[in-house]
C-alpha atoms as a PDB file:
ATOM      1  CA  MET A   1     109.382 102.434  79.672  1.00  0.00           C
ATOM      2  CA  THR A   2     108.500 106.038  79.399  1.00  0.00           C
ATOM      3  CA  ASN A   3     110.326 108.963  80.537  1.00  0.00           C
ATOM      4  CA  ASN A   4     107.493 111.347  79.966  1.00  0.00           C
ATOM      5  CA  PHE A   5     104.862 111.702  82.864  1.00  0.00           C
ATOM      6  CA  ARG A   6     101.741 113.836  83.087  1.00  0.00           C
ATOM      7  CA  ILE A   7     101.058 115.248  86.710  1.00  0.00           C
ATOM      8  CA  GLY A   8      97.475 116.075  87.455  1.00  0.00           C
ATOM      9  CA  MET A   9      96.743 118.385  90.290  1.00  0.00           C
ATOM     10  CA  ILE A  10      93.418 119.115  92.080  1.00  0.00           C
ATOM     11  CA  VAL A  11      93.516 122.721  93.335  1.00  0.00           C
ATOM     12  CA  PRO A  12      91.689 125.345  94.998  1.00  0.00           C
ATOM     13  CA  SER A  13      90.711 128.188  92.676  1.00  0.00           C
ATOM     14  CA  SER A  14      92.690 130.603  94.650  1.00  0.00           C
ATOM     15  CA  ASN A  15      95.838 128.502  94.787  1.00  0.00           C
ATOM     16  CA  THR A  16      98.946 129.873  93.058  1.00  0.00           C
ATOM     17  CA  THR A  17     101.903 127.870  94.724  1.00  0.00           C
ATOM     18  CA  MET A  18     101.136 124.222  94.085  1.00  0.00           C
ATOM     19  CA  GLU A  19     101.242 124.878  90.267  1.00  0.00           C
ATOM     20  CA  THR A  20     104.677 126.893  91.037  1.00  0.00           C
ATOM     21  CA  GLU A  21     106.404 124.740  93.692  1.00  0.00           C
ATOM     22  CA  ILE A  22     105.587 121.152  92.343  1.00  0.00           C
ATOM     23  CA  PRO A  23     106.764 121.963  88.850  1.00  0.00           C
ATOM     24  CA  ALA A  24     109.742 123.923  90.145  1.00  0.00           C
ATOM     25  CA  MET A  25     110.846 120.649  92.224  1.00  0.00           C
ATOM     26  CA  LEU A  26     110.502 118.441  89.496  1.00  0.00           C
ATOM     27  CA  ARG A  27     112.210 120.726  86.961  1.00  0.00           C
ATOM     28  CA  ALA A  28     115.244 120.761  89.471  1.00  0.00           C
ATOM     29  CA  ARG A  29     114.959 116.841  89.610  1.00  0.00           C
ATOM     30  CA  GLU A  30     115.656 116.855  85.760  1.00  0.00           C
ATOM     31  CA  GLU A  31     118.989 117.974  86.387  1.00  0.00           C
ATOM     32  CA  ILE A  32     119.977 114.413  88.009  1.00  0.00           C
ATOM     33  CA  ARG A  33     117.350 111.811  86.320  1.00  0.00           C
ATOM     34  CA  PRO A  34     116.064 111.526  82.934  1.00  0.00           C
ATOM     35  CA  GLU A  35     112.332 111.643  83.465  1.00  0.00           C
ATOM     36  CA  ARG A  36     110.443 114.552  82.252  1.00  0.00           C
ATOM     37  CA  PHE A  37     107.038 116.004  83.428  1.00  0.00           C
ATOM     38  CA  THR A  38     104.033 118.271  82.124  1.00  0.00           C
ATOM     39  CA  PHE A  39     101.462 119.648  84.515  1.00  0.00           C
ATOM     40  CA  HIS A  40      97.722 119.641  84.240  1.00  0.00           C
ATOM     41  CA  SER A  41      95.199 121.258  86.761  1.00  0.00           C
ATOM     42  CA  SER A  42      91.487 121.417  87.653  1.00  0.00           C
ATOM     43  CA  ARG A  43      90.307 123.795  89.993  1.00  0.00           C
ATOM     44  CA  MET A  44      87.788 123.879  92.855  1.00  0.00           C
ATOM     45  CA  ARG A  45      86.055 127.177  93.741  1.00  0.00           C
ATOM     46  CA  MET A  46      87.458 128.435  97.151  1.00  0.00           C
ATOM     47  CA  GLN A  47      88.647 132.051  98.289  1.00  0.00           C
ATOM     48  CA  LYS A  48      88.521 131.994 102.088  1.00  0.00           C
ATOM     49  CA  VAL A  49      89.655 129.032 104.449  1.00  0.00           C
ATOM     50  CA  THR A  50      86.418 128.608 106.160  1.00  0.00           C
ATOM     51  CA  PRO A  51      85.072 125.403 106.989  1.00  0.00           C
ATOM     52  CA  GLU A  52      81.889 126.184 104.815  1.00  0.00           C
ATOM     53  CA  GLU A  53      84.080 126.786 101.761  1.00  0.00           C
ATOM     54  CA  LEU A  54      86.240 124.068 102.357  1.00  0.00           C
ATOM     55  CA  THR A  55      83.408 121.573 102.317  1.00  0.00           C
ATOM     56  CA  ALA A  56      81.890 123.043  99.461  1.00  0.00           C
ATOM     57  CA  MET A  57      85.368 122.799  97.657  1.00  0.00           C
ATOM     58  CA  ASP A  58      85.692 119.216  98.680  1.00  0.00           C
ATOM     59  CA  ASN A  59      82.478 118.188  97.124  1.00  0.00           C
ATOM     60  CA  ASP A  60      83.619 119.754  93.817  1.00  0.00           C
ATOM     61  CA  SER A  61      86.835 117.476  93.659  1.00  0.00           C
ATOM     62  CA  LEU A  62      85.033 114.470  91.976  1.00  0.00           C
ATOM     63  CA  ARG A  63      84.434 116.903  89.021  1.00  0.00           C
ATOM     64  CA  CYS A  64      87.985 117.552  88.961  1.00  0.00           C
ATOM     65  CA  ALA A  65      89.146 113.916  89.135  1.00  0.00           C
ATOM     66  CA  ALA A  66      87.032 113.309  86.015  1.00  0.00           C
ATOM     67  CA  GLU A  67      88.310 116.137  84.050  1.00  0.00           C
ATOM     68  CA  LEU A  68      91.822 115.208  84.798  1.00  0.00           C
ATOM     69  CA  ALA A  69      90.969 111.626  83.790  1.00  0.00           C
ATOM     70  CA  ASP A  70      90.048 112.853  80.414  1.00  0.00           C
ATOM     71  CA  ALA A  71      93.717 114.089  80.168  1.00  0.00           C
ATOM     72  CA  ARG A  72      94.850 110.360  81.102  1.00  0.00           C
ATOM     73  CA  VAL A  73      97.335 111.973  83.613  1.00  0.00           C
ATOM     74  CA  ASP A  74      99.742 109.490  85.090  1.00  0.00           C
ATOM     75  CA  VAL A  75      98.905 110.418  88.760  1.00  0.00           C
ATOM     76  CA  MET A  76      96.668 112.893  90.234  1.00  0.00           C
ATOM     77  CA  ALA A  77      97.408 115.095  93.574  1.00  0.00           C
ATOM     78  CA  TYR A  78      94.668 116.545  95.598  1.00  0.00           C
ATOM     79  CA  ALA A  79      96.531 119.672  96.458  1.00  0.00           C
ATOM     80  CA  CYS A  80      94.955 121.043  99.339  1.00  0.00           C
ATOM     81  CA  LEU A  81      95.872 119.849 102.870  1.00  0.00           C
ATOM     82  CA  VAL A  82      93.353 121.534 104.799  1.00  0.00           C
ATOM     83  CA  ALA A  83      90.560 120.697 102.633  1.00  0.00           C
ATOM     84  CA  ILE A  84      90.863 117.308 103.583  1.00  0.00           C
ATOM     85  CA  MET A  85      91.791 117.652 107.193  1.00  0.00           C
ATOM     86  CA  SER A  86      88.886 119.679 107.864  1.00  0.00           C
ATOM     87  CA  GLN A  87      86.557 117.065 106.784  1.00  0.00           C
ATOM     88  CA  GLY A  88      87.252 114.627 109.853  1.00  0.00           C
ATOM     89  CA  LEU A  89      90.158 112.468 110.911  1.00  0.00           C
ATOM     90  CA  ARG A  90      91.767 110.126 108.383  1.00  0.00           C
ATOM     91  CA  TYR A  91      89.585 111.662 105.590  1.00  0.00           C
ATOM     92  CA  HIS A  92      92.588 111.260 103.025  1.00  0.00           C
ATOM     93  CA  ALA A  93      91.849 107.494 103.379  1.00  0.00           C
ATOM     94  CA  THR A  94      88.106 108.018 102.114  1.00  0.00           C
ATOM     95  CA  SER A  95      88.888 110.830  99.707  1.00  0.00           C
ATOM     96  CA  GLU A  96      91.730 109.053  97.850  1.00  0.00           C
ATOM     97  CA  PRO A  97      90.062 105.959  96.629  1.00  0.00           C
ATOM     98  CA  LYS A  98      86.742 107.758  95.959  1.00  0.00           C
ATOM     99  CA  LEU A  99      88.638 110.043  93.714  1.00  0.00           C
ATOM    100  CA  ALA A 100      90.397 107.089  92.008  1.00  0.00           C
ATOM    101  CA  GLN A 101      87.115 105.442  91.444  1.00  0.00           C
ATOM    102  CA  VAL A 102      85.941 108.389  89.519  1.00  0.00           C
ATOM    103  CA  ALA A 103      88.908 108.768  87.392  1.00  0.00           C
ATOM    104  CA  LYS A 104      88.835 104.813  86.575  1.00  0.00           C
ATOM    105  CA  GLU A 105      85.008 105.197  85.623  1.00  0.00           C
ATOM    106  CA  GLU A 106      85.853 108.246  83.332  1.00  0.00           C
ATOM    107  CA  SER A 107      88.949 106.675  81.558  1.00  0.00           C
ATOM    108  CA  GLY A 108      88.950 102.919  82.157  1.00  0.00           C
ATOM    109  CA  GLU A 109      92.243 103.038  83.624  1.00  0.00           C
ATOM    110  CA  ASP A 110      93.854 102.904  87.256  1.00  0.00           C
ATOM    111  CA  ILE A 111      95.241 106.329  87.908  1.00  0.00           C
ATOM    112  CA  PRO A 112      97.115 106.631  91.308  1.00  0.00           C
ATOM    113  CA  VAL A 113      95.554 109.337  93.403  1.00  0.00           C
ATOM    114  CA  LEU A 114      97.058 110.981  96.562  1.00  0.00           C
ATOM    115  CA  SER A 115      96.537 114.051  98.735  1.00  0.00           C
ATOM    116  CA  SER A 116      98.700 116.506 100.312  1.00  0.00           C
ATOM    117  CA  ALA A 117      97.344 115.566 103.636  1.00  0.00           C
ATOM    118  CA  GLY A 118      98.004 112.091 103.245  1.00  0.00           C
ATOM    119  CA  ALA A 119     101.351 112.753 101.740  1.00  0.00           C
ATOM    120  CA  LEU A 120     102.409 114.565 104.703  1.00  0.00           C
ATOM    121  CA  THR A 121     101.808 112.008 107.130  1.00  0.00           C
ATOM    122  CA  GLU A 122     103.051 109.412 105.022  1.00  0.00           C
ATOM    123  CA  ALA A 123     106.332 111.225 104.562  1.00  0.00           C
ATOM    124  CA  LEU A 124     106.547 111.852 108.437  1.00  0.00           C
ATOM    125  CA  ALA A 125     106.198 108.163 108.933  1.00  0.00           C
ATOM    126  CA  HIS A 126     108.896 107.405 106.385  1.00  0.00           C
ATOM    127  CA  LEU A 127     111.251 109.550 108.001  1.00  0.00           C
ATOM    128  CA  GLY A 128     110.531 107.848 111.308  1.00  0.00           C
ATOM    129  CA  VAL A 129     109.874 111.078 113.269  1.00  0.00           C
ATOM    130  CA  LYS A 130     107.297 111.247 116.184  1.00  0.00           C
ATOM    131  CA  LYS A 131     107.365 114.672 117.457  1.00  0.00           C
ATOM    132  CA  ILE A 132     106.872 117.740 115.186  1.00  0.00           C
ATOM    133  CA  ALA A 133     106.932 121.591 115.013  1.00  0.00           C
ATOM    134  CA  VAL A 134     104.558 123.170 112.686  1.00  0.00           C
ATOM    135  CA  VAL A 135     103.960 126.575 110.947  1.00  0.00           C
ATOM    136  CA  THR A 136     100.744 127.399 109.262  1.00  0.00           C
ATOM    137  CA  PRO A 137      99.194 130.457 107.572  1.00  0.00           C
ATOM    138  CA  TYR A 138      95.702 129.638 109.342  1.00  0.00           C
ATOM    139  CA  MET A 139      93.525 131.132 111.883  1.00  0.00           C
ATOM    140  CA  LYS A 140      94.493 129.322 115.247  1.00  0.00           C
ATOM    141  CA  PRO A 141      91.302 127.061 115.287  1.00  0.00           C
ATOM    142  CA  LEU A 142      92.321 125.825 111.806  1.00  0.00           C
ATOM    143  CA  THR A 143      95.665 125.214 113.094  1.00  0.00           C
ATOM    144  CA  GLU A 144      94.268 123.200 115.823  1.00  0.00           C
ATOM    145  CA  THR A 145      92.236 121.094 113.547  1.00  0.00           C
ATOM    146  CA  VAL A 146      95.308 120.345 111.492  1.00  0.00           C
ATOM    147  CA  CYS A 147      97.513 119.475 114.582  1.00  0.00           C
ATOM    148  CA  ASN A 148      94.677 117.242 115.712  1.00  0.00           C
ATOM    149  CA  TYR A 149      94.656 115.540 112.365  1.00  0.00           C
ATOM    150  CA  ILE A 150      98.332 114.922 112.262  1.00  0.00           C
ATOM    151  CA  GLU A 151      98.396 113.666 115.843  1.00  0.00           C
ATOM    152  CA  HIS A 152      95.687 111.247 115.076  1.00  0.00           C
ATOM    153  CA  GLU A 153      98.180 109.744 112.661  1.00  0.00           C
ATOM    154  CA  GLY A 154     100.547 108.947 115.412  1.00  0.00           C
ATOM    155  CA  PHE A 155     102.621 111.994 115.802  1.00  0.00           C
ATOM    156  CA  SER A 156     103.036 114.586 118.639  1.00  0.00           C
ATOM    157  CA  VAL A 157     102.890 118.254 117.739  1.00  0.00           C
ATOM    158  CA  VAL A 158     105.231 119.954 120.292  1.00  0.00           C
ATOM    159  CA  ASP A 159     104.649 123.489 118.983  1.00  0.00           C
ATOM    160  CA  SER A 160     102.966 125.298 116.262  1.00  0.00           C
ATOM    161  CA  LEU A 161     102.853 128.920 114.939  1.00  0.00           C
ATOM    162  CA  SER A 162      99.624 130.481 113.307  1.00  0.00           C
ATOM    163  CA  LEU A 163     100.358 133.297 110.969  1.00  0.00           C
ATOM    164  CA  GLU A 164      96.467 134.134 110.864  1.00  0.00           C
ATOM    165  CA  VAL A 165      95.670 134.849 107.373  1.00  0.00           C
ATOM    166  CA  PRO A 166      92.266 133.939 106.309  1.00  0.00           C
ATOM    167  CA  ASN A 167      92.151 134.777 102.542  1.00  0.00           C
ATOM    168  CA  ASN A 168      93.789 131.978 100.578  1.00  0.00           C
ATOM    169  CA  LEU A 169      94.947 134.467  97.786  1.00  0.00           C
ATOM    170  CA  GLU A 170      96.852 136.319 100.375  1.00  0.00           C
ATOM    171  CA  VAL A 171      98.369 133.377 101.714  1.00  0.00           C
ATOM    172  CA  GLY A 172      99.724 132.727  98.361  1.00  0.00           C
ATOM    173  CA  ARG A 173     101.243 136.139  98.259  1.00  0.00           C
ATOM    174  CA  LEU A 174     103.123 135.799 101.459  1.00  0.00           C
ATOM    175  CA  ASP A 175     106.820 136.332 101.298  1.00  0.00           C
ATOM    176  CA  PRO A 176     108.568 133.035 101.731  1.00  0.00           C
ATOM    177  CA  GLN A 177     111.663 135.095 103.009  1.00  0.00           C
ATOM    178  CA  ASN A 178     109.625 135.949 106.285  1.00  0.00           C
ATOM    179  CA  LEU A 179     109.887 132.178 107.097  1.00  0.00           C
ATOM    180  CA  LEU A 180     113.248 132.844 108.081  1.00  0.00           C
ATOM    181  CA  GLU A 181     112.094 134.919 111.101  1.00  0.00           C
ATOM    182  CA  HIS A 182     108.990 132.717 111.699  1.00  0.00           C
ATOM    183  CA  VAL A 183     110.804 129.652 112.319  1.00  0.00           C
ATOM    184  CA  LYS A 184     112.802 131.291 115.228  1.00  0.00           C
ATOM    185  CA  LYS A 185     109.259 131.649 116.815  1.00  0.00           C
ATOM    186  CA  VAL A 186     108.307 128.084 117.020  1.00  0.00           C
ATOM    187  CA  ASP A 187     109.806 126.024 119.619  1.00  0.00           C
ATOM    188  CA  THR A 188     111.827 123.148 117.635  1.00  0.00           C
ATOM    189  CA  SER A 189     114.039 121.947 120.616  1.00  0.00           C
ATOM    190  CA  ASP A 190     112.120 118.915 121.409  1.00  0.00           C
ATOM    191  CA  ALA A 191     111.082 118.202 117.771  1.00  0.00           C
ATOM    192  CA  ASP A 192     112.174 115.542 115.313  1.00  0.00           C
ATOM    193  CA  ALA A 193     111.047 117.494 112.174  1.00  0.00           C
ATOM    194  CA  LEU A 194     109.736 120.885 111.327  1.00  0.00           C
ATOM    195  CA  VAL A 195     106.780 121.235 109.063  1.00  0.00           C
ATOM    196  CA  LEU A 196     107.722 124.686 107.573  1.00  0.00           C
ATOM    197  CA  SER A 197     104.460 125.005 105.629  1.00  0.00           C
ATOM    198  CA  ALA A 198     101.596 122.979 106.775  1.00  0.00           C
ATOM    199  CA  CYS A 199      99.640 124.667 104.057  1.00  0.00           C
ATOM    200  CA  VAL A 200     100.693 123.910 100.550  1.00  0.00           C
ATOM    201  CA  GLN A 201      99.363 127.593  99.346  1.00  0.00           C
ATOM    202  CA  MET A 202     101.963 129.135 101.530  1.00  0.00           C
ATOM    203  CA  PRO A 203     105.236 129.733  99.372  1.00  0.00           C
ATOM    204  CA  SER A 204     108.303 128.039 101.079  1.00  0.00           C
ATOM    205  CA  LEU A 205     110.497 126.429  98.364  1.00  0.00           C
ATOM    206  CA  PRO A 206     112.711 129.687  97.904  1.00  0.00           C
ATOM    207  CA  VAL A 207     113.766 129.199 101.506  1.00  0.00           C
ATOM    208  CA  LEU A 208     113.452 125.586 102.200  1.00  0.00           C
ATOM    209  CA  ASP A 209     117.179 124.656 101.317  1.00  0.00           C
ATOM    210  CA  THR A 210     118.364 127.487 103.516  1.00  0.00           C
ATOM    211  CA  VAL A 211     116.169 126.455 106.475  1.00  0.00           C
ATOM    212  CA  GLN A 212     117.236 122.891 106.111  1.00  0.00           C
ATOM    213  CA  GLN A 213     121.003 123.711 106.231  1.00  0.00           C
ATOM    214  CA  GLN A 214     119.993 125.707 109.709  1.00  0.00           C
ATOM    215  CA  PHE A 215     118.336 122.445 111.138  1.00  0.00           C
ATOM    216  CA  ASP A 216     119.730 118.977 111.921  1.00  0.00           C
ATOM    217  CA  ILE A 217     116.154 117.718 111.672  1.00  0.00           C
ATOM    218  CA  PRO A 218     114.217 117.115 108.440  1.00  0.00           C
ATOM    219  CA  VAL A 219     112.032 120.035 107.075  1.00  0.00           C
ATOM    220  CA  VAL A 220     109.176 119.368 105.249  1.00  0.00           C
ATOM    221  CA  THR A 221     106.983 121.451 103.016  1.00  0.00           C
ATOM    222  CA  ALA A 222     104.913 120.903  99.788  1.00  0.00           C
ATOM    223  CA  SER A 223     108.099 118.569  99.554  1.00  0.00           C
ATOM    224  CA  ALA A 224     105.746 115.865 100.764  1.00  0.00           C
ATOM    225  CA  THR A 225     103.509 115.978  97.960  1.00  0.00           C
ATOM    226  CA  THR A 226     106.238 115.884  95.481  1.00  0.00           C
ATOM    227  CA  TRP A 227     107.802 112.886  97.366  1.00  0.00           C
ATOM    228  CA  ARG A 228     104.312 111.065  97.136  1.00  0.00           C
ATOM    229  CA  ILE A 229     104.043 111.786  93.478  1.00  0.00           C
ATOM    230  CA  LEU A 230     107.284 110.320  92.789  1.00  0.00           C
ATOM    231  CA  ASN A 231     106.727 107.274  94.782  1.00  0.00           C
ATOM    232  CA  ARG A 232     103.241 106.782  93.069  1.00  0.00           C
ATOM    233  CA  LEU A 233     105.013 106.905  89.735  1.00  0.00           C
ATOM    234  CA  GLY A 234     107.595 104.171  90.922  1.00  0.00           C
ATOM    235  CA  LEU A 235     110.402 106.923  90.281  1.00  0.00           C
ATOM    236  CA  ASP A 236     113.421 107.837  92.566  1.00  0.00           C
ATOM    237  CA  PRO A 237     112.032 110.302  95.176  1.00  0.00           C
ATOM    238  CA  VAL A 238     114.896 112.619  94.717  1.00  0.00           C
ATOM    239  CA  VAL A 239     115.222 116.438  94.167  1.00  0.00           C
ATOM    240  CA  PRO A 240     118.036 118.670  94.748  1.00  0.00           C
ATOM    241  CA  ARG A 241     117.748 121.563  97.212  1.00  0.00           C
ATOM    242  CA  ALA A 242     114.434 120.461  98.523  1.00  0.00           C
ATOM    243  CA  GLY A 243     115.025 119.308 102.099  1.00  0.00           C
ATOM    244  CA  ALA A 244     116.021 116.198 103.802  1.00  0.00           C
ATOM    245  CA  LEU A 245     112.940 114.186 102.463  1.00  0.00           C
ATOM    246  CA  LEU A 246     113.911 114.466  98.832  1.00  0.00           C
ATOM    247  CA  ALA A 247     117.782 114.678  99.157  1.00  0.00           C
ATOM    248  CA  PRO A 248     119.392 112.717  96.447  1.00  0.00           C
END
C-alpha cells in the first residue's frame, strides 16, 4: 500500500487559508504516522462573498474537478463551505457526486470527492453533538444561511457571532489571535461543540489548540475537512494539536 497521497483542493481564487492550514495539519500528522502528502489546487474566481459571486464560482467547480482529475489526485476537497451552503439545503449531497462524476469521466477512475460543508456536518455527527455555537467572518444574513443549513442537518445553533467582513481576501488576512477574544463573545454555555471558524478562509489553526484547551467541548474548524480527507483515504484521522476531532 502506498504511503504517498495527492490531495486535490478546489478553492476560491481569493482563498489563501486552505492551502496553508490543511497542509500544515497533514505535515503535523507526519510526526506520528508514516503517510506523506502533496497538495494540488484548482481555483474558481471569487473576490466578494456575495450570493451572485458564490453561484458563479460554484458553476466553475466542474472545470476544477476535471483539472484535478488530470493530476490523478487521490482525493478532492471542495474547500469553500459557504459556496455550497448558499446554494440550498443539503446541496453538498448534490455537488459531491456531480464533481466525482466529472472526475471519473476525465480520468476513468473513482476519485473520492468531499466538501467542507459536508465535512463539517459529518464531523459534528461523528462527535455526537447536537447543540453548537458558531463564529463566522460573514455578514449577518450569510451567517443566518449557514446556521440554517447546519440546523437542517439535525443540529441546533445556540449562538453565533458574525465578524461582518465581506471581502474574501480580507477574511484570509484576519489575525487568528483575535479569535481568543471573539470566543468570549459567543455564548457556549449550552453548546456541545464550538465551530471556531465556520468559514475555511478565516485563519484559525494557530490558536486551535489553545482554544481547545480552554473548553471542555470539541472545537472544530477546517479540521473537519482534514478529518474527512483522511477518512476518505482510509487513513487514521489523527493530527496533533488540531482539536478534539483529530486528537491522536
